[in-house]
Structures are given as C-alpha cells and as structure tokens.
Amino acid sequence: MQELVRFPAVAGTFYPATRSELAALVTSLLAGATQEGGGCPKALVVPHAGYVYSGPIAARAFALLAPHGESIRRVVLVGPAHRVSVDGMVSPGVSRMRTPLGDVVVDVDAIGGLPEISTNAMAHAREHSLEVELPFLQKVVPHASVVPLAVGRASPAEVGGVLAALWGGPETIVVISSDLSHYLPYEIGRAADQKTAERLLALDPRPLSGRDACGAAGINGLLVAARSRHMRAELVDLRSSGDTAGPRDEVVGYGSFALYEET
C-alpha cells in the first residue's frame, strides 16, 4: 500500500528549501543555544515563525532535548490551525511528514486509537505551525515519530484529555507550537508577553486567549495536564521579532518554555 506524505508548504519562505542550507542553519541555531545540564523536559512550548524571527528562541528549547535524543521515540506535536476552520483536533491523515531533511514517520497507530481525533488534510496542507518544528526535531530526536495535531475550537479539557491519552513515559515528549502577542508596539507587546509567561509558569488555571497566544488552545490543554501531574514550568527564552529581525512598531512575541515532571 502506498504511503501518504504531507509535503512541505513553507520551505523556502519560513526556512531554507535545500537540504544543505536547512541542515546548516538548524545546526547553527542549536549550536548557538544555551544548553544547561539536567533532566529531559516532558513538554516544550516553542514559537513557529520564520527562522530569522523565532528560530533562536525555538532552538534554545529544542537544545534541551539533544542530550536525550537517543531515548525519545515519539513527539506529540500540537499547533493551531491558522488557515482552515477546525473543530477539535485533527490529524493530516498521512504516514509521513516531509521536510528538506527527509521524512518523519507519523505514529498512525496512536492517532487511530483516539476517537476524538478526526482527519483533515486541508487543515494541514498549508499549515506552518507544525511544519517549522520538524527540522529541529529531526536534528535533536532523530529516531522519533510524531503525532501531528492541528487544533481549532477545542476546550482545555478536550486538548488535555488527548494529551493524557498520548502521555506515555520517558520515550514520549509533548511539543506545543505557539507564538505569543501579535502586532503590538514593542514595549506593549513585551509587557503583554511577560504577563502571559508568568501565567504559564504558574500553571494558571485561567485559560489564555488567542490574543495572548495564537496557540492558546494547545497551551491551555498542556496546562491542564501539567496541573494534574504537578509539573514544573521554566522559562527558556522570551523575546519578540523586534529583538531578532523585525521593526519595533509592530512585533510578534516569541516564548519558549520547558515543563518537567517531578521525580
């Protein structure tokens, strides 16, 4: 039976389209990230803009996985559906996700075991929120499959329930893809993102809104799971496009966070 592949949609715009250029850029971003010793995060929240804007912020979170890359076998990858209206959480209905670095295997068995998940290829076809995380994952967890889920209208409990069903053990990590505030003046955006970061770090039960983070549904679901497991959240990086490659009259906020299970 022929395997279905989800082909890259934003190669050449959000990140380089050639294998050599992309490999060199991701390697450089990870090499420039501060890596601290310690246990492996169970979950990350990372931004998903073009690499020139958010790549350094995302790399600092993904670099935390690199020392544990050989033992991580599955990544539950959750991001917002920007282009297609979606109810709940949807999978792309493919067995592989392709980037210029090669193919990532999709854990179709895990998806098939979740009646809450429907298939919506159109929601994934042009969606960048999951795609831009894949090259980082290919570098730091090269043996991992992915469970790619785009989220639309879904409650924190609904998303949290799906994450709980996929939680697994040390072989599984969760990656939530989300930018923060959008198109605010630099200082206003910085203050807004700081408040959002404080709420996330406190595992605040009040749901974030789409104004706080475009991937709020995924973050809110993760926080449901994190509270039930008494997890600890740490800030990895908090900047905006005004700090990386954009003007400061209208910025997009980028935060990366790591969540740990208590041992």
Protein backbone atom coordinates (compact mmCIF):
# COMPACT_ATOMS: atom_id res chain seq x y z
CA MET A 1 0.00 0.00 0.00
CA GLN A 2 1.39 3.39 -0.98
CA GLU A 3 2.22 5.67 1.92
CA LEU A 4 0.67 9.12 2.07
CA VAL A 5 3.08 12.00 2.60
CA ARG A 6 2.44 15.54 3.77
CA PHE A 7 4.81 17.69 1.69
CA PRO A 8 6.41 20.90 2.99
CA ALA A 9 4.42 24.06 2.37
CA VAL A 10 6.71 26.79 3.70
CA ALA A 11 10.17 25.56 2.71
CA GLY A 12 11.87 28.48 1.01
CA THR A 13 9.88 31.07 2.95
CA PHE A 14 9.92 30.22 6.66
CA TYR A 15 13.15 28.25 6.38
CA PRO A 16 15.58 27.20 3.59
CA ALA A 17 14.30 24.89 0.89
CA THR A 18 17.51 22.96 0.28
CA ARG A 19 18.74 20.16 2.50
CA SER A 20 22.25 21.56 2.89
CA GLU A 21 21.16 25.10 3.76
CA LEU A 22 18.50 23.94 6.18
CA ALA A 23 20.81 21.47 7.91
CA ALA A 24 23.48 24.15 8.30
CA LEU A 25 21.02 26.70 9.67
CA VAL A 26 19.39 24.37 12.20
CA THR A 27 22.81 23.12 13.32
CA SER A 28 23.98 26.71 13.75
CA LEU A 29 20.88 27.74 15.70
CA LEU A 30 21.22 24.77 18.04
CA ALA A 31 24.95 25.37 18.48
CA GLY A 32 24.23 28.95 19.46
CA ALA A 33 21.62 27.95 22.02
CA THR A 34 22.49 27.86 25.69
CA GLN A 35 22.38 24.24 26.83
CA GLU A 36 22.20 23.52 30.53
CA GLY A 37 22.53 20.16 32.19
CA GLY A 38 19.60 18.47 33.84
CA GLY A 39 16.75 16.11 33.16
CA CYS A 40 14.79 15.86 29.98
CA PRO A 41 11.73 18.10 29.67
CA LYS A 42 8.46 16.26 29.25
CA ALA A 43 6.97 19.14 27.29
CA LEU A 44 8.05 22.24 25.42
CA VAL A 45 6.23 25.34 24.24
CA VAL A 46 8.02 26.82 21.22
CA PRO A 47 7.33 29.56 18.64
CA HIS A 48 6.65 28.88 14.97
CA ALA A 49 7.53 31.95 12.90
CA GLY A 50 10.13 32.13 10.16
CA TYR A 51 13.52 31.06 11.45
CA VAL A 52 15.01 34.52 11.01
CA TYR A 53 12.46 35.78 13.54
CA SER A 54 11.86 32.98 16.05
CA GLY A 55 14.49 30.37 15.23
CA PRO A 56 16.90 31.35 18.03
CA ILE A 57 14.11 31.26 20.63
CA ALA A 58 12.86 27.86 19.47
CA ALA A 59 16.40 26.47 19.28
CA ARG A 60 17.05 27.18 22.94
CA ALA A 61 14.15 24.92 23.91
CA PHE A 62 14.92 22.17 21.41
CA ALA A 63 18.55 22.13 22.54
CA LEU A 64 17.34 20.85 25.91
CA LEU A 65 16.27 17.63 24.18
CA ALA A 66 19.55 16.98 22.40
CA PRO A 67 21.31 15.14 25.29
CA HIS A 68 18.32 12.79 25.50
CA GLY A 69 17.69 12.41 21.78
CA GLU A 70 18.50 8.73 21.54
CA SER A 71 15.86 7.75 24.10
CA ILE A 72 12.98 9.86 22.75
CA ARG A 73 10.86 7.85 20.34
CA ARG A 74 7.66 9.87 19.95
CA VAL A 75 6.73 13.54 19.84
CA VAL A 76 3.14 14.69 20.29
CA LEU A 77 3.22 17.85 18.18
CA VAL A 78 0.31 20.25 18.61
CA GLY A 79 -0.20 23.59 16.87
CA PRO A 80 -3.00 25.97 15.89
CA ALA A 81 -4.88 25.69 12.61
CA HIS A 82 -4.27 29.13 11.09
CA ARG A 83 -5.78 28.66 7.62
CA VAL A 84 -8.74 26.30 7.90
CA SER A 85 -11.60 26.43 10.40
CA VAL A 86 -11.40 23.34 12.59
CA ASP A 87 -13.49 21.89 15.38
CA GLY A 88 -11.43 19.95 17.90
CA MET A 89 -8.09 18.38 16.96
CA VAL A 90 -7.30 16.94 13.54
CA SER A 91 -4.55 14.85 12.01
CA PRO A 92 -3.26 15.15 8.43
CA GLY A 93 -4.16 11.56 7.51
CA VAL A 94 -0.65 10.72 6.34
CA SER A 95 2.05 8.26 7.34
CA ARG A 96 4.99 10.64 6.84
CA MET A 97 5.74 14.36 7.14
CA ARG A 98 8.39 15.57 4.71
CA THR A 99 10.95 18.37 5.06
CA PRO A 100 14.08 19.07 3.03
CA LEU A 101 15.92 16.98 5.63
CA GLY A 102 13.84 13.90 4.86
CA ASP A 103 10.71 12.22 6.18
CA VAL A 104 9.40 11.97 9.73
CA VAL A 105 7.28 8.91 10.46
CA VAL A 106 3.77 9.59 11.78
CA ASP A 107 2.54 7.37 14.62
CA VAL A 108 -0.67 6.41 12.84
CA ASP A 109 -1.50 3.71 15.36
CA ALA A 110 -1.60 6.23 18.19
CA ILE A 111 -3.84 8.53 16.19
CA GLY A 112 -6.10 5.67 15.20
CA GLY A 113 -6.64 4.79 18.84
CA LEU A 114 -8.14 8.18 19.61
CA PRO A 115 -11.78 8.59 18.54
CA GLU A 116 -11.55 12.30 19.45
CA ILE A 117 -9.17 12.87 16.53
CA SER A 118 -10.56 13.28 13.02
CA THR A 119 -8.69 13.62 9.74
CA ASN A 120 -8.50 16.93 7.92
CA ALA A 121 -5.82 17.02 5.24
CA MET A 122 -6.78 20.53 4.15
CA ALA A 123 -6.14 21.94 7.61
CA HIS A 124 -2.59 20.61 7.45
CA ALA A 125 -1.81 21.20 3.78
CA ARG A 126 -0.63 24.83 4.09
CA GLU A 127 -0.25 25.00 7.86
CA HIS A 128 3.16 26.17 9.10
CA SER A 129 2.77 25.80 12.87
CA LEU A 130 3.77 22.14 12.90
CA GLU A 131 6.00 22.10 9.83
CA VAL A 132 8.55 24.59 11.12
CA GLU A 133 9.20 22.48 14.24
CA LEU A 134 10.02 19.33 12.27
CA PRO A 135 13.59 20.20 11.16
CA PHE A 136 14.55 20.92 14.78
CA LEU A 137 13.06 17.59 15.84
CA GLN A 138 14.87 15.80 13.03
CA LYS A 139 18.15 17.08 14.45
CA VAL A 140 17.62 16.60 18.19
CA VAL A 141 15.39 13.49 18.31
CA PRO A 142 16.28 11.73 15.05
CA HIS A 143 14.58 8.43 15.87
CA ALA A 144 11.25 9.84 16.98
CA SER A 145 7.91 9.51 15.24
CA VAL A 146 5.37 12.31 15.51
CA VAL A 147 1.71 12.64 16.34
CA PRO A 148 0.86 15.84 14.39
CA LEU A 149 -2.33 17.52 15.58
CA ALA A 150 -3.78 20.84 14.47
CA VAL A 151 -6.16 22.46 16.95
CA GLY A 152 -9.12 24.71 16.26
CA ARG A 153 -12.09 25.21 18.55
CA ALA A 154 -11.34 22.94 21.49
CA SER A 155 -11.65 23.35 25.24
CA PRO A 156 -8.67 22.97 27.59
CA ALA A 157 -10.24 19.76 28.92
CA GLU A 158 -10.60 18.32 25.41
CA VAL A 159 -6.99 19.03 24.48
CA GLY A 160 -5.77 17.95 27.90
CA GLY A 161 -7.64 14.67 27.56
CA VAL A 162 -5.97 13.87 24.25
CA LEU A 163 -2.56 14.73 25.67
CA ALA A 164 -3.25 12.49 28.66
CA ALA A 165 -4.11 9.60 26.35
CA LEU A 166 -0.84 10.09 24.45
CA TRP A 167 1.31 10.93 27.50
CA GLY A 168 3.31 7.72 27.64
CA GLY A 169 6.59 7.51 29.53
CA PRO A 170 10.09 8.94 29.03
CA GLU A 171 10.01 7.86 25.39
CA THR A 172 7.29 10.46 24.63
CA ILE A 173 7.51 14.23 24.75
CA VAL A 174 4.92 16.91 24.00
CA VAL A 175 5.68 19.97 21.88
CA ILE A 176 3.16 22.81 21.76
CA SER A 177 3.70 25.26 18.91
CA SER A 178 2.61 28.83 19.62
CA ASP A 179 3.63 32.42 19.14
CA LEU A 180 2.54 34.99 21.72
CA SER A 181 1.14 38.50 21.17
CA HIS A 182 0.75 39.82 17.63
CA TYR A 183 1.40 43.21 16.05
CA LEU A 184 1.72 45.35 19.15
CA PRO A 185 4.27 48.13 19.66
CA TYR A 186 7.48 46.70 21.11
CA GLU A 187 7.12 47.75 24.75
CA ILE A 188 3.39 46.96 24.91
CA GLY A 189 3.99 43.56 23.37
CA ARG A 190 6.84 42.89 25.77
CA ALA A 191 4.63 43.66 28.77
CA ALA A 192 1.80 41.51 27.42
CA ASP A 193 4.12 38.58 26.79
CA GLN A 194 5.63 38.89 30.25
CA LYS A 195 2.17 38.54 31.78
CA THR A 196 1.44 35.52 29.60
CA ALA A 197 4.75 33.95 30.59
CA GLU A 198 4.00 34.47 34.27
CA ARG A 199 0.64 32.75 33.90
CA LEU A 200 2.16 29.83 32.06
CA LEU A 201 4.95 29.43 34.62
CA ALA A 202 2.37 29.45 37.42
CA LEU A 203 0.26 26.82 35.59
CA ASP A 204 -2.57 29.31 35.94
CA PRO A 205 -5.98 27.63 35.54
CA ARG A 206 -7.43 30.68 33.79
CA PRO A 207 -7.29 29.87 30.06
CA LEU A 208 -5.14 32.00 27.81
CA SER A 209 -6.92 33.68 24.91
CA GLY A 210 -5.97 33.96 21.28
CA ARG A 211 -4.78 37.49 21.99
CA ASP A 212 -2.27 36.10 24.47
CA ALA A 213 -1.01 33.32 22.20
CA CYS A 214 -2.14 32.06 18.81
CA GLY A 215 -1.66 28.50 20.06
CA ALA A 216 -3.62 29.16 23.23
CA ALA A 217 -5.77 26.05 22.82
CA GLY A 218 -2.73 23.80 22.84
CA ILE A 219 -1.09 25.63 25.74
CA ASN A 220 -4.29 25.54 27.78
CA GLY A 221 -4.60 21.80 27.23
CA LEU A 222 -1.00 21.25 28.24
CA LEU A 223 -1.53 23.26 31.42
CA VAL A 224 -4.50 21.03 32.33
CA ALA A 225 -2.20 18.02 32.06
CA ALA A 226 0.64 19.81 33.85
CA ARG A 227 -1.50 20.79 36.83
CA SER A 228 -2.84 17.25 37.23
CA ARG A 229 0.74 15.96 37.30
CA HIS A 230 2.19 18.72 39.50
CA MET A 231 4.72 19.63 36.85
CA ARG A 232 7.24 22.43 36.99
CA ALA A 233 7.49 25.03 34.22
CA GLU A 234 10.63 27.01 33.38
CA LEU A 235 11.13 29.97 31.09
CA VAL A 236 13.76 29.25 28.45
CA ASP A 237 13.58 32.43 26.37
CA LEU A 238 11.22 35.37 25.86
CA ARG A 239 11.76 37.82 23.03
CA SER A 240 9.96 39.24 20.02
CA SER A 241 10.52 39.96 16.36
CA GLY A 242 11.72 43.38 17.49
CA ASP A 243 14.67 41.67 19.17
CA THR A 244 15.61 39.45 16.27
CA ALA A 245 14.92 40.60 12.72
CA GLY A 246 11.94 42.93 12.60
CA PRO A 247 10.99 46.55 13.25
CA ARG A 248 9.64 47.59 16.63
CA ASP A 249 6.46 49.40 15.64
CA GLU A 250 4.55 46.10 15.35
CA VAL A 251 6.09 42.97 16.83
CA VAL A 252 5.17 39.33 17.35
CA GLY A 253 6.09 37.76 20.66
CA TYR A 254 8.01 34.51 20.95
CA GLY A 255 8.43 32.46 24.10
CA SER A 256 9.96 29.07 24.75
CA PHE A 257 9.19 27.11 27.89
CA ALA A 258 10.15 23.71 29.28
CA LEU A 259 7.91 21.67 31.58
CA TYR A 260 9.26 18.91 33.79
CA GLU A 261 7.66 16.04 35.64
CA GLU A 262 8.60 15.88 39.30
CA THR A 263 10.76 12.89 40.11
